Amino acid sequence: MAAQYRRVNVQGIEGVSLATWLLFSLIGGFWIFYGALSAHSPAVVLGSLLCWPLQLAIVFRLSPWRHRRGSIQAVALFLSCCVAPGFVGGWSACVYGTGLAMTLLRVPQFLALVRSRDASGVSSASWFIGVGCATLWIIYYWNIHLWAPLIATACSGLASTVLGSMAVWRHRLATEEFVRREVFAS
């Protein structure tokens, strides 16, 4: 996340998805409220609060007020996945819906990796750091017996594992292709 923040400030916002980062921010806010109001977990609140300012800074750098369509889509997905289920099933349903939203957040990156040979803008290290963080949260949720956030985080972590692995594969193919071109050129 810090790398993305640095990127938007140094290189600009080209190729950075407002809908994705707005949804990240909304989900971050959800985890803060969930941790405080339902789980009564200072760890969940603080863990989300640490990331939230960077997420919000990225969103504001992307000017959501200028891109209403992406903003409306992100808010609609958040409301339908993370908020609406709570009216039927309470906090647990909200958490499961948040797991779905966190997993769906990875779909555009997945499709880009499937469609394009160029993965130069995809950091496999970032995705695997995310997997490591998800693993630590899963252990935490296991120890305090919070099953809904454990399952939600496991789904998101699995999706991040797939993306990190696909990025490694795409980078490896690009390296092999570069080496072949160099061999034929000499």
N, C-alpha and C. Protein backbone atom coordinates (compact mmCIF):
# COMPACT_ATOMS: atom_id res chain seq x y z
N MET A 1 0.82 -1.18 0.00
CA MET A 1 0.00 0.00 0.00
C MET A 1 0.87 1.25 0.00
N ALA A 2 1.93 1.25 0.79
CA ALA A 2 2.84 2.39 0.80
C ALA A 2 3.48 2.56 -0.58
N ALA A 3 3.77 1.45 -1.25
CA ALA A 3 4.35 1.52 -2.59
C ALA A 3 3.36 2.16 -3.58
N GLN A 4 2.10 1.81 -3.45
CA GLN A 4 1.08 2.39 -4.33
C GLN A 4 0.91 3.89 -4.04
N TYR A 5 0.96 4.25 -2.78
CA TYR A 5 0.86 5.66 -2.40
C TYR A 5 2.02 6.44 -3.01
N ARG A 6 3.22 5.89 -2.89
CA ARG A 6 4.40 6.52 -3.47
C ARG A 6 4.26 6.62 -4.99
N ARG A 7 3.75 5.55 -5.60
CA ARG A 7 3.59 5.52 -7.06
C ARG A 7 2.66 6.62 -7.54
N VAL A 8 1.50 6.79 -6.90
CA VAL A 8 0.56 7.81 -7.37
C VAL A 8 1.10 9.21 -7.16
N ASN A 9 1.94 9.39 -6.17
CA ASN A 9 2.52 10.71 -5.94
C ASN A 9 3.71 11.01 -6.84
N VAL A 10 4.46 9.98 -7.24
CA VAL A 10 5.65 10.18 -8.06
C VAL A 10 5.35 10.01 -9.55
N GLN A 11 4.67 8.92 -9.90
CA GLN A 11 4.45 8.60 -11.31
C GLN A 11 3.10 9.05 -11.83
N GLY A 12 2.19 9.38 -10.94
CA GLY A 12 0.85 9.78 -11.36
C GLY A 12 -0.16 8.67 -11.16
N ILE A 13 -1.37 8.93 -11.59
CA ILE A 13 -2.48 8.02 -11.30
C ILE A 13 -2.86 7.13 -12.47
N GLU A 14 -2.15 7.23 -13.56
CA GLU A 14 -2.46 6.42 -14.75
C GLU A 14 -2.44 4.93 -14.40
N GLY A 15 -3.53 4.23 -14.71
CA GLY A 15 -3.60 2.78 -14.49
C GLY A 15 -4.01 2.38 -13.07
N VAL A 16 -4.27 3.34 -12.21
CA VAL A 16 -4.67 3.04 -10.83
C VAL A 16 -6.20 3.12 -10.77
N SER A 17 -6.83 2.09 -10.28
CA SER A 17 -8.29 2.00 -10.28
C SER A 17 -8.90 2.71 -9.08
N LEU A 18 -9.68 3.75 -9.36
CA LEU A 18 -10.41 4.45 -8.31
C LEU A 18 -11.38 3.52 -7.61
N ALA A 19 -12.14 2.75 -8.38
CA ALA A 19 -13.13 1.85 -7.78
C ALA A 19 -12.48 0.88 -6.81
N THR A 20 -11.33 0.33 -7.19
CA THR A 20 -10.63 -0.62 -6.33
C THR A 20 -10.19 0.05 -5.03
N TRP A 21 -9.56 1.21 -5.14
CA TRP A 21 -9.04 1.87 -3.93
C TRP A 21 -10.15 2.44 -3.07
N LEU A 22 -11.23 2.89 -3.68
CA LEU A 22 -12.37 3.35 -2.89
C LEU A 22 -12.98 2.18 -2.13
N LEU A 23 -13.08 1.04 -2.80
CA LEU A 23 -13.61 -0.14 -2.13
C LEU A 23 -12.68 -0.59 -1.01
N PHE A 24 -11.35 -0.57 -1.26
CA PHE A 24 -10.39 -0.88 -0.19
C PHE A 24 -10.64 0.02 1.02
N SER A 25 -10.85 1.31 0.77
CA SER A 25 -11.06 2.27 1.86
C SER A 25 -12.36 2.01 2.61
N LEU A 26 -13.42 1.73 1.87
CA LEU A 26 -14.70 1.42 2.51
C LEU A 26 -14.60 0.16 3.35
N ILE A 27 -13.92 -0.85 2.83
CA ILE A 27 -13.75 -2.10 3.57
C ILE A 27 -12.88 -1.86 4.80
N GLY A 28 -11.85 -1.02 4.65
CA GLY A 28 -11.02 -0.67 5.81
C GLY A 28 -11.86 -0.03 6.91
N GLY A 29 -12.75 0.89 6.51
CA GLY A 29 -13.66 1.50 7.47
C GLY A 29 -14.58 0.47 8.10
N PHE A 30 -15.06 -0.47 7.28
CA PHE A 30 -15.91 -1.53 7.82
C PHE A 30 -15.17 -2.30 8.91
N TRP A 31 -13.90 -2.71 8.66
CA TRP A 31 -13.15 -3.49 9.65
C TRP A 31 -12.95 -2.70 10.94
N ILE A 32 -12.78 -1.38 10.83
CA ILE A 32 -12.63 -0.55 12.03
C ILE A 32 -13.91 -0.61 12.86
N PHE A 33 -15.06 -0.43 12.21
CA PHE A 33 -16.34 -0.48 12.92
C PHE A 33 -16.62 -1.88 13.45
N TYR A 34 -16.35 -2.89 12.65
CA TYR A 34 -16.56 -4.26 13.09
C TYR A 34 -15.71 -4.58 14.32
N GLY A 35 -14.44 -4.21 14.26
CA GLY A 35 -13.54 -4.48 15.38
C GLY A 35 -13.97 -3.78 16.65
N ALA A 36 -14.49 -2.56 16.50
CA ALA A 36 -14.90 -1.79 17.67
C ALA A 36 -16.27 -2.21 18.20
N LEU A 37 -17.24 -2.41 17.30
CA LEU A 37 -18.63 -2.61 17.72
C LEU A 37 -19.04 -4.06 17.91
N SER A 38 -18.45 -4.97 17.16
CA SER A 38 -18.88 -6.37 17.24
C SER A 38 -17.82 -7.27 17.85
N ALA A 39 -16.62 -7.25 17.29
CA ALA A 39 -15.57 -8.14 17.77
C ALA A 39 -14.94 -7.63 19.06
N HIS A 40 -15.10 -6.35 19.35
CA HIS A 40 -14.48 -5.73 20.53
C HIS A 40 -12.99 -6.06 20.58
N SER A 41 -12.35 -5.87 19.43
CA SER A 41 -10.96 -6.25 19.27
C SER A 41 -10.11 -5.02 18.93
N PRO A 42 -9.30 -4.56 19.88
CA PRO A 42 -8.40 -3.45 19.56
C PRO A 42 -7.42 -3.80 18.43
N ALA A 43 -7.06 -5.06 18.30
CA ALA A 43 -6.13 -5.48 17.24
C ALA A 43 -6.76 -5.25 15.86
N VAL A 44 -8.03 -5.59 15.70
CA VAL A 44 -8.71 -5.39 14.42
C VAL A 44 -8.84 -3.90 14.12
N VAL A 45 -9.21 -3.12 15.12
CA VAL A 45 -9.35 -1.68 14.93
C VAL A 45 -8.00 -1.07 14.56
N LEU A 46 -6.97 -1.35 15.33
CA LEU A 46 -5.65 -0.75 15.07
C LEU A 46 -5.05 -1.25 13.77
N GLY A 47 -5.23 -2.53 13.46
CA GLY A 47 -4.71 -3.07 12.20
C GLY A 47 -5.30 -2.35 11.00
N SER A 48 -6.58 -2.05 11.06
CA SER A 48 -7.22 -1.34 9.96
C SER A 48 -6.89 0.15 9.98
N LEU A 49 -6.80 0.71 11.17
CA LEU A 49 -6.47 2.14 11.28
C LEU A 49 -5.08 2.45 10.75
N LEU A 50 -4.16 1.50 10.83
CA LEU A 50 -2.81 1.73 10.32
C LEU A 50 -2.81 1.91 8.81
N CYS A 51 -3.66 1.17 8.13
CA CYS A 51 -3.72 1.22 6.65
C CYS A 51 -4.63 2.31 6.13
N TRP A 52 -5.65 2.63 6.87
CA TRP A 52 -6.72 3.49 6.39
C TRP A 52 -6.25 4.86 5.90
N PRO A 53 -5.36 5.56 6.59
CA PRO A 53 -4.93 6.87 6.07
C PRO A 53 -4.29 6.79 4.68
N LEU A 54 -3.49 5.75 4.44
CA LEU A 54 -2.88 5.60 3.11
C LEU A 54 -3.94 5.29 2.06
N GLN A 55 -4.89 4.44 2.41
CA GLN A 55 -5.97 4.13 1.48
C GLN A 55 -6.75 5.39 1.12
N LEU A 56 -7.10 6.17 2.13
CA LEU A 56 -7.85 7.40 1.89
C LEU A 56 -7.03 8.41 1.09
N ALA A 57 -5.74 8.51 1.37
CA ALA A 57 -4.88 9.43 0.62
C ALA A 57 -4.83 9.05 -0.86
N ILE A 58 -4.76 7.75 -1.14
CA ILE A 58 -4.76 7.29 -2.53
C ILE A 58 -6.09 7.64 -3.20
N VAL A 59 -7.19 7.38 -2.49
CA VAL A 59 -8.52 7.68 -3.03
C VAL A 59 -8.63 9.17 -3.35
N PHE A 60 -8.22 10.02 -2.43
CA PHE A 60 -8.34 11.46 -2.67
C PHE A 60 -7.43 11.92 -3.80
N ARG A 61 -6.29 11.27 -3.94
CA ARG A 61 -5.38 11.60 -5.06
C ARG A 61 -6.05 11.23 -6.40
N LEU A 62 -6.92 10.22 -6.38
CA LEU A 62 -7.61 9.77 -7.60
C LEU A 62 -8.85 10.60 -7.91
N SER A 63 -9.18 11.56 -7.08
CA SER A 63 -10.30 12.49 -7.30
C SER A 63 -11.63 11.78 -7.56
N PRO A 64 -12.18 11.12 -6.54
CA PRO A 64 -13.44 10.39 -6.77
C PRO A 64 -14.61 11.28 -7.19
N TRP A 65 -14.60 12.54 -6.84
CA TRP A 65 -15.66 13.46 -7.21
C TRP A 65 -15.68 13.73 -8.71
N ARG A 66 -14.57 13.46 -9.39
CA ARG A 66 -14.51 13.66 -10.85
C ARG A 66 -14.90 12.40 -11.62
N HIS A 67 -14.89 11.30 -10.95
CA HIS A 67 -15.16 10.01 -11.61
C HIS A 67 -16.35 9.34 -10.91
N ARG A 68 -17.50 9.88 -11.16
CA ARG A 68 -18.69 9.43 -10.44
C ARG A 68 -19.04 7.97 -10.70
N ARG A 69 -18.86 7.53 -11.94
CA ARG A 69 -19.25 6.16 -12.29
C ARG A 69 -18.47 5.14 -11.45
N GLY A 70 -17.15 5.27 -11.40
CA GLY A 70 -16.33 4.34 -10.62
C GLY A 70 -16.64 4.43 -9.13
N SER A 71 -16.89 5.65 -8.66
CA SER A 71 -17.22 5.83 -7.25
C SER A 71 -18.56 5.18 -6.91
N ILE A 72 -19.53 5.38 -7.78
CA ILE A 72 -20.86 4.80 -7.55
C ILE A 72 -20.78 3.27 -7.59
N GLN A 73 -20.02 2.73 -8.52
CA GLN A 73 -19.87 1.27 -8.59
C GLN A 73 -19.25 0.71 -7.31
N ALA A 74 -18.20 1.37 -6.82
CA ALA A 74 -17.54 0.89 -5.60
C ALA A 74 -18.47 0.96 -4.40
N VAL A 75 -19.18 2.06 -4.27
CA VAL A 75 -20.11 2.21 -3.15
C VAL A 75 -21.25 1.20 -3.27
N ALA A 76 -21.76 0.98 -4.47
CA ALA A 76 -22.84 0.00 -4.67
C ALA A 76 -22.38 -1.41 -4.32
N LEU A 77 -21.16 -1.78 -4.74
CA LEU A 77 -20.63 -3.10 -4.39
C LEU A 77 -20.46 -3.23 -2.88
N PHE A 78 -19.95 -2.18 -2.25
CA PHE A 78 -19.78 -2.19 -0.80
C PHE A 78 -21.12 -2.35 -0.09
N LEU A 79 -22.10 -1.56 -0.49
CA LEU A 79 -23.42 -1.63 0.15
C LEU A 79 -24.07 -2.99 -0.06
N SER A 80 -23.95 -3.54 -1.28
CA SER A 80 -24.62 -4.82 -1.56
C SER A 80 -23.89 -6.00 -0.92
N CYS A 81 -22.59 -5.96 -0.85
CA CYS A 81 -21.84 -7.10 -0.29
C CYS A 81 -21.61 -6.98 1.22
N CYS A 82 -21.32 -5.79 1.69
CA CYS A 82 -20.86 -5.63 3.06
C CYS A 82 -21.92 -5.10 4.03
N VAL A 83 -22.86 -4.32 3.54
CA VAL A 83 -23.84 -3.71 4.44
C VAL A 83 -25.18 -4.44 4.39
N ALA A 84 -25.73 -4.62 3.20
CA ALA A 84 -27.06 -5.23 3.05
C ALA A 84 -27.18 -6.60 3.73
N PRO A 85 -26.17 -7.49 3.62
CA PRO A 85 -26.32 -8.78 4.29
C PRO A 85 -26.53 -8.66 5.80
N GLY A 86 -26.08 -7.57 6.39
CA GLY A 86 -26.24 -7.38 7.83
C GLY A 86 -27.69 -7.22 8.26
N PHE A 87 -28.53 -6.74 7.35
CA PHE A 87 -29.93 -6.58 7.69
C PHE A 87 -30.62 -7.93 7.82
N VAL A 88 -30.06 -8.94 7.18
CA VAL A 88 -30.64 -10.28 7.23
C VAL A 88 -29.93 -11.15 8.26
N GLY A 89 -28.60 -11.11 8.24
CA GLY A 89 -27.84 -12.06 9.06
C GLY A 89 -26.93 -11.46 10.12
N GLY A 90 -27.01 -10.17 10.36
CA GLY A 90 -26.20 -9.54 11.39
C GLY A 90 -24.74 -9.37 10.96
N TRP A 91 -23.89 -9.16 11.96
CA TRP A 91 -22.48 -8.87 11.70
C TRP A 91 -21.79 -9.98 10.93
N SER A 92 -22.10 -11.24 11.24
CA SER A 92 -21.44 -12.34 10.54
C SER A 92 -21.71 -12.29 9.05
N ALA A 93 -22.94 -11.99 8.68
CA ALA A 93 -23.28 -11.88 7.25
C ALA A 93 -22.53 -10.72 6.61
N CYS A 94 -22.39 -9.62 7.34
CA CYS A 94 -21.59 -8.49 6.83
C CYS A 94 -20.15 -8.91 6.59
N VAL A 95 -19.60 -9.67 7.52
CA VAL A 95 -18.20 -10.10 7.40
C VAL A 95 -18.03 -11.05 6.23
N TYR A 96 -18.96 -12.01 6.06
CA TYR A 96 -18.87 -12.91 4.90
C TYR A 96 -18.98 -12.12 3.59
N GLY A 97 -19.88 -11.14 3.57
CA GLY A 97 -20.00 -10.28 2.39
C GLY A 97 -18.74 -9.48 2.14
N THR A 98 -18.10 -9.04 3.20
CA THR A 98 -16.84 -8.32 3.06
C THR A 98 -15.77 -9.24 2.49
N GLY A 99 -15.76 -10.50 2.91
CA GLY A 99 -14.84 -11.48 2.33
C GLY A 99 -15.07 -11.63 0.83
N LEU A 100 -16.34 -11.66 0.45
CA LEU A 100 -16.67 -11.73 -0.97
C LEU A 100 -16.16 -10.48 -1.70
N ALA A 101 -16.40 -9.31 -1.12
CA ALA A 101 -15.95 -8.07 -1.75
C ALA A 101 -14.42 -8.02 -1.84
N MET A 102 -13.74 -8.47 -0.78
CA MET A 102 -12.27 -8.47 -0.81
C MET A 102 -11.74 -9.42 -1.88
N THR A 103 -12.45 -10.50 -2.10
CA THR A 103 -12.04 -11.44 -3.15
C THR A 103 -12.35 -10.86 -4.52
N LEU A 104 -13.51 -10.24 -4.68
CA LEU A 104 -13.89 -9.64 -5.96
C LEU A 104 -12.95 -8.49 -6.34
N LEU A 105 -12.37 -7.84 -5.36
CA LEU A 105 -11.40 -6.76 -5.63
C LEU A 105 -10.23 -7.25 -6.47
N ARG A 106 -9.94 -8.53 -6.37
CA ARG A 106 -8.78 -9.07 -7.07
C ARG A 106 -9.10 -9.49 -8.51
N VAL A 107 -10.37 -9.55 -8.87
CA VAL A 107 -10.77 -10.01 -10.19
C VAL A 107 -10.19 -9.16 -11.34
N PRO A 108 -10.24 -7.82 -11.27
CA PRO A 108 -9.66 -7.05 -12.39
C PRO A 108 -8.17 -7.34 -12.60
N GLN A 109 -7.41 -7.47 -11.52
CA GLN A 109 -5.99 -7.78 -11.65
C GLN A 109 -5.80 -9.18 -12.23
N PHE A 110 -6.65 -10.11 -11.80
CA PHE A 110 -6.60 -11.47 -12.33
C PHE A 110 -6.86 -11.47 -13.84
N LEU A 111 -7.91 -10.77 -14.25
CA LEU A 111 -8.24 -10.71 -15.68
C LEU A 111 -7.12 -10.05 -16.48
N ALA A 112 -6.52 -9.01 -15.92
CA ALA A 112 -5.40 -8.36 -16.62
C ALA A 112 -4.23 -9.31 -16.79
N LEU A 113 -3.96 -10.14 -15.79
CA LEU A 113 -2.86 -11.10 -15.89
C LEU A 113 -3.18 -12.22 -16.88
N VAL A 114 -4.45 -12.58 -16.99
CA VAL A 114 -4.84 -13.62 -17.94
C VAL A 114 -4.77 -13.09 -19.36
N ARG A 115 -5.23 -11.87 -19.57
CA ARG A 115 -5.34 -11.30 -20.91
C ARG A 115 -4.02 -10.78 -21.47
N SER A 116 -3.15 -10.31 -20.64
CA SER A 116 -1.95 -9.63 -21.12
C SER A 116 -0.68 -10.39 -20.75
N ARG A 117 0.27 -10.37 -21.66
CA ARG A 117 1.57 -10.98 -21.35
C ARG A 117 2.41 -10.06 -20.49
N ASP A 118 2.08 -8.78 -20.52
CA ASP A 118 2.86 -7.79 -19.79
C ASP A 118 2.37 -7.71 -18.35
N ALA A 119 3.21 -8.08 -17.42
CA ALA A 119 2.89 -7.99 -16.00
C ALA A 119 3.82 -7.02 -15.31
N SER A 120 4.38 -6.10 -16.07
CA SER A 120 5.39 -5.19 -15.50
C SER A 120 4.83 -4.31 -14.40
N GLY A 121 3.54 -4.03 -14.42
CA GLY A 121 2.95 -3.20 -13.38
C GLY A 121 2.44 -3.98 -12.18
N VAL A 122 2.66 -5.28 -12.17
CA VAL A 122 2.14 -6.13 -11.10
C VAL A 122 3.30 -6.59 -10.22
N SER A 123 3.20 -6.31 -8.95
CA SER A 123 4.24 -6.71 -8.01
C SER A 123 3.84 -8.01 -7.32
N SER A 124 4.51 -9.09 -7.69
CA SER A 124 4.23 -10.37 -7.02
C SER A 124 4.60 -10.28 -5.55
N ALA A 125 5.66 -9.53 -5.24
CA ALA A 125 6.08 -9.38 -3.83
C ALA A 125 4.96 -8.74 -3.01
N SER A 126 4.29 -7.73 -3.56
CA SER A 126 3.20 -7.08 -2.82
C SER A 126 2.07 -8.05 -2.53
N TRP A 127 1.73 -8.87 -3.54
CA TRP A 127 0.66 -9.84 -3.32
C TRP A 127 1.06 -10.87 -2.27
N PHE A 128 2.32 -11.30 -2.27
CA PHE A 128 2.74 -12.28 -1.28
C PHE A 128 2.89 -11.67 0.12
N ILE A 129 3.21 -10.39 0.19
CA ILE A 129 3.18 -9.71 1.49
C ILE A 129 1.74 -9.71 2.01
N GLY A 130 0.79 -9.46 1.11
CA GLY A 130 -0.63 -9.52 1.48
C GLY A 130 -1.03 -10.90 1.97
N VAL A 131 -0.47 -11.94 1.35
CA VAL A 131 -0.75 -13.32 1.78
C VAL A 131 -0.20 -13.53 3.19
N GLY A 132 1.00 -13.02 3.43
CA GLY A 132 1.59 -13.13 4.76
C GLY A 132 0.74 -12.44 5.81
N CYS A 133 0.26 -11.24 5.50
CA CYS A 133 -0.61 -10.51 6.42
C CYS A 133 -1.92 -11.27 6.66
N ALA A 134 -2.50 -11.79 5.58
CA ALA A 134 -3.73 -12.57 5.71
C ALA A 134 -3.50 -13.78 6.61
N THR A 135 -2.36 -14.43 6.46
CA THR A 135 -2.04 -15.59 7.29
C THR A 135 -1.99 -15.22 8.75
N LEU A 136 -1.35 -14.08 9.06
CA LEU A 136 -1.28 -13.64 10.46
C LEU A 136 -2.67 -13.33 11.02
N TRP A 137 -3.53 -12.71 10.20
CA TRP A 137 -4.90 -12.44 10.64
C TRP A 137 -5.67 -13.75 10.84
N ILE A 138 -5.46 -14.70 9.96
CA ILE A 138 -6.14 -15.99 10.10
C ILE A 138 -5.75 -16.64 11.43
N ILE A 139 -4.47 -16.62 11.75
CA ILE A 139 -4.01 -17.18 13.03
C ILE A 139 -4.65 -16.44 14.19
N TYR A 140 -4.70 -15.12 14.09
CA TYR A 140 -5.32 -14.32 15.15
C TYR A 140 -6.79 -14.70 15.31
N TYR A 141 -7.53 -14.73 14.20
CA TYR A 141 -8.96 -15.06 14.28
C TYR A 141 -9.18 -16.48 14.79
N TRP A 142 -8.30 -17.39 14.43
CA TRP A 142 -8.39 -18.77 14.92
C TRP A 142 -8.24 -18.78 16.44
N ASN A 143 -7.27 -18.06 16.94
CA ASN A 143 -6.99 -18.04 18.38
C ASN A 143 -8.10 -17.41 19.19
N ILE A 144 -8.83 -16.45 18.62
CA ILE A 144 -9.91 -15.84 19.38
C ILE A 144 -11.29 -16.35 18.93
N HIS A 145 -11.29 -17.36 18.08
CA HIS A 145 -12.51 -18.05 17.66
C HIS A 145 -13.51 -17.14 16.95
N LEU A 146 -13.01 -16.31 16.05
CA LEU A 146 -13.87 -15.50 15.20
C LEU A 146 -13.86 -16.13 13.81
N TRP A 147 -14.86 -16.95 13.54
CA TRP A 147 -14.85 -17.77 12.33
C TRP A 147 -15.22 -16.99 11.08
N ALA A 148 -16.16 -16.08 11.16
CA ALA A 148 -16.55 -15.33 9.96
C ALA A 148 -15.37 -14.51 9.39
N PRO A 149 -14.66 -13.73 10.22
CA PRO A 149 -13.53 -13.00 9.64
C PRO A 149 -12.39 -13.93 9.21
N LEU A 150 -12.26 -15.08 9.87
CA LEU A 150 -11.24 -16.05 9.45
C LEU A 150 -11.53 -16.53 8.03
N ILE A 151 -12.77 -16.90 7.78
CA ILE A 151 -13.15 -17.40 6.45
C ILE A 151 -13.03 -16.28 5.41
N ALA A 152 -13.49 -15.09 5.76
CA ALA A 152 -13.41 -13.96 4.83
C ALA A 152 -11.95 -13.65 4.47
N THR A 153 -11.10 -13.65 5.47
CA THR A 153 -9.68 -13.36 5.24
C THR A 153 -9.00 -14.49 4.48
N ALA A 154 -9.40 -15.72 4.74
CA ALA A 154 -8.83 -16.86 4.02
C ALA A 154 -9.18 -16.78 2.53
N CYS A 155 -10.41 -16.40 2.21
CA CYS A 155 -10.79 -16.26 0.79
C CYS A 155 -9.97 -15.18 0.11
N SER A 156 -9.82 -14.05 0.78
CA SER A 156 -9.03 -12.95 0.24
C SER A 156 -7.56 -13.37 0.11
N GLY A 157 -7.04 -14.06 1.10
CA GLY A 157 -5.65 -14.52 1.06
C GLY A 157 -5.41 -15.52 -0.05
N LEU A 158 -6.38 -16.40 -0.28
CA LEU A 158 -6.27 -17.37 -1.38
C LEU A 158 -6.25 -16.65 -2.73
N ALA A 159 -7.11 -15.66 -2.88
CA ALA A 159 -7.12 -14.88 -4.12
C ALA A 159 -5.79 -14.15 -4.32
N SER A 160 -5.22 -13.63 -3.25
CA SER A 160 -3.91 -12.96 -3.34
C SER A 160 -2.81 -13.96 -3.69
N THR A 161 -2.92 -15.17 -3.18
CA THR A 161 -1.95 -16.22 -3.52
C THR A 161 -2.00 -16.53 -5.01
N VAL A 162 -3.20 -16.64 -5.55
CA VAL A 162 -3.37 -16.90 -6.98
C VAL A 162 -2.75 -15.76 -7.79
N LEU A 163 -3.04 -14.51 -7.40
CA LEU A 163 -2.50 -13.37 -8.14
C LEU A 163 -0.98 -13.30 -8.06
N GLY A 164 -0.43 -13.51 -6.88
CA GLY A 164 1.02 -13.50 -6.73
C GLY A 164 1.67 -14.58 -7.57
N SER A 165 1.08 -15.76 -7.58
CA SER A 165 1.62 -16.87 -8.38
C SER A 165 1.51 -16.58 -9.88
N MET A 166 0.37 -16.01 -10.29
CA MET A 166 0.22 -15.65 -11.71
C MET A 166 1.23 -14.59 -12.11
N ALA A 167 1.48 -13.63 -11.23
CA ALA A 167 2.45 -12.57 -11.54
C ALA A 167 3.85 -13.16 -11.68
N VAL A 168 4.21 -14.09 -10.80
CA VAL A 168 5.52 -14.75 -10.90
C VAL A 168 5.61 -15.48 -12.24
N TRP A 169 4.56 -16.20 -12.60
CA TRP A 169 4.52 -16.93 -13.86
C TRP A 169 4.68 -15.99 -15.05
N ARG A 170 3.93 -14.87 -15.05
CA ARG A 170 4.01 -13.92 -16.15
C ARG A 170 5.41 -13.28 -16.23
N HIS A 171 5.99 -12.95 -15.08
CA HIS A 171 7.34 -12.37 -15.07
C HIS A 171 8.36 -13.38 -15.60
N ARG A 172 8.19 -14.63 -15.23
CA ARG A 172 9.10 -15.68 -15.71
C ARG A 172 8.99 -15.83 -17.23
N LEU A 173 7.76 -15.85 -17.74
CA LEU A 173 7.58 -15.94 -19.19
C LEU A 173 8.21 -14.74 -19.91
N ALA A 174 8.04 -13.57 -19.35
CA ALA A 174 8.62 -12.37 -19.96
C ALA A 174 10.14 -12.44 -19.97
N THR A 175 10.72 -12.95 -18.89
CA THR A 175 12.18 -13.10 -18.83
C THR A 175 12.67 -14.11 -19.85
N GLU A 176 11.98 -15.24 -19.97
CA GLU A 176 12.36 -16.25 -20.94
C GLU A 176 12.26 -15.70 -22.37
N GLU A 177 11.22 -14.94 -22.65
CA GLU A 177 11.05 -14.36 -23.97
C GLU A 177 12.17 -13.34 -24.26
N PHE A 178 12.52 -12.55 -23.27
CA PHE A 178 13.61 -11.59 -23.43
C PHE A 178 14.93 -12.30 -23.72
N VAL A 179 15.20 -13.38 -22.99
CA VAL A 179 16.43 -14.14 -23.20
C VAL A 179 16.44 -14.74 -24.60
N ARG A 180 15.32 -15.29 -25.06
CA ARG A 180 15.24 -15.84 -26.41
C ARG A 180 15.52 -14.79 -27.46
N ARG A 181 14.96 -13.61 -27.30
CA ARG A 181 15.21 -12.53 -28.25
C ARG A 181 16.69 -12.14 -28.28
N GLU A 182 17.29 -12.09 -27.10
CA GLU A 182 18.72 -11.72 -27.02
C GLU A 182 19.60 -12.77 -27.68
N VAL A 183 19.24 -14.05 -27.50
CA VAL A 183 20.01 -15.14 -28.10
C VAL A 183 19.91 -15.07 -29.62
N PHE A 184 18.68 -14.85 -30.13
CA PHE A 184 18.50 -14.78 -31.58
C PHE A 184 19.13 -13.52 -32.17
N ALA A 185 19.17 -12.45 -31.39
CA ALA A 185 19.75 -11.20 -31.88
C ALA A 185 21.27 -11.28 -32.00
N SER A 186 21.88 -12.15 -31.20
CA SER A 186 23.36 -12.21 -31.25
C SER A 186 23.88 -13.23 -32.18
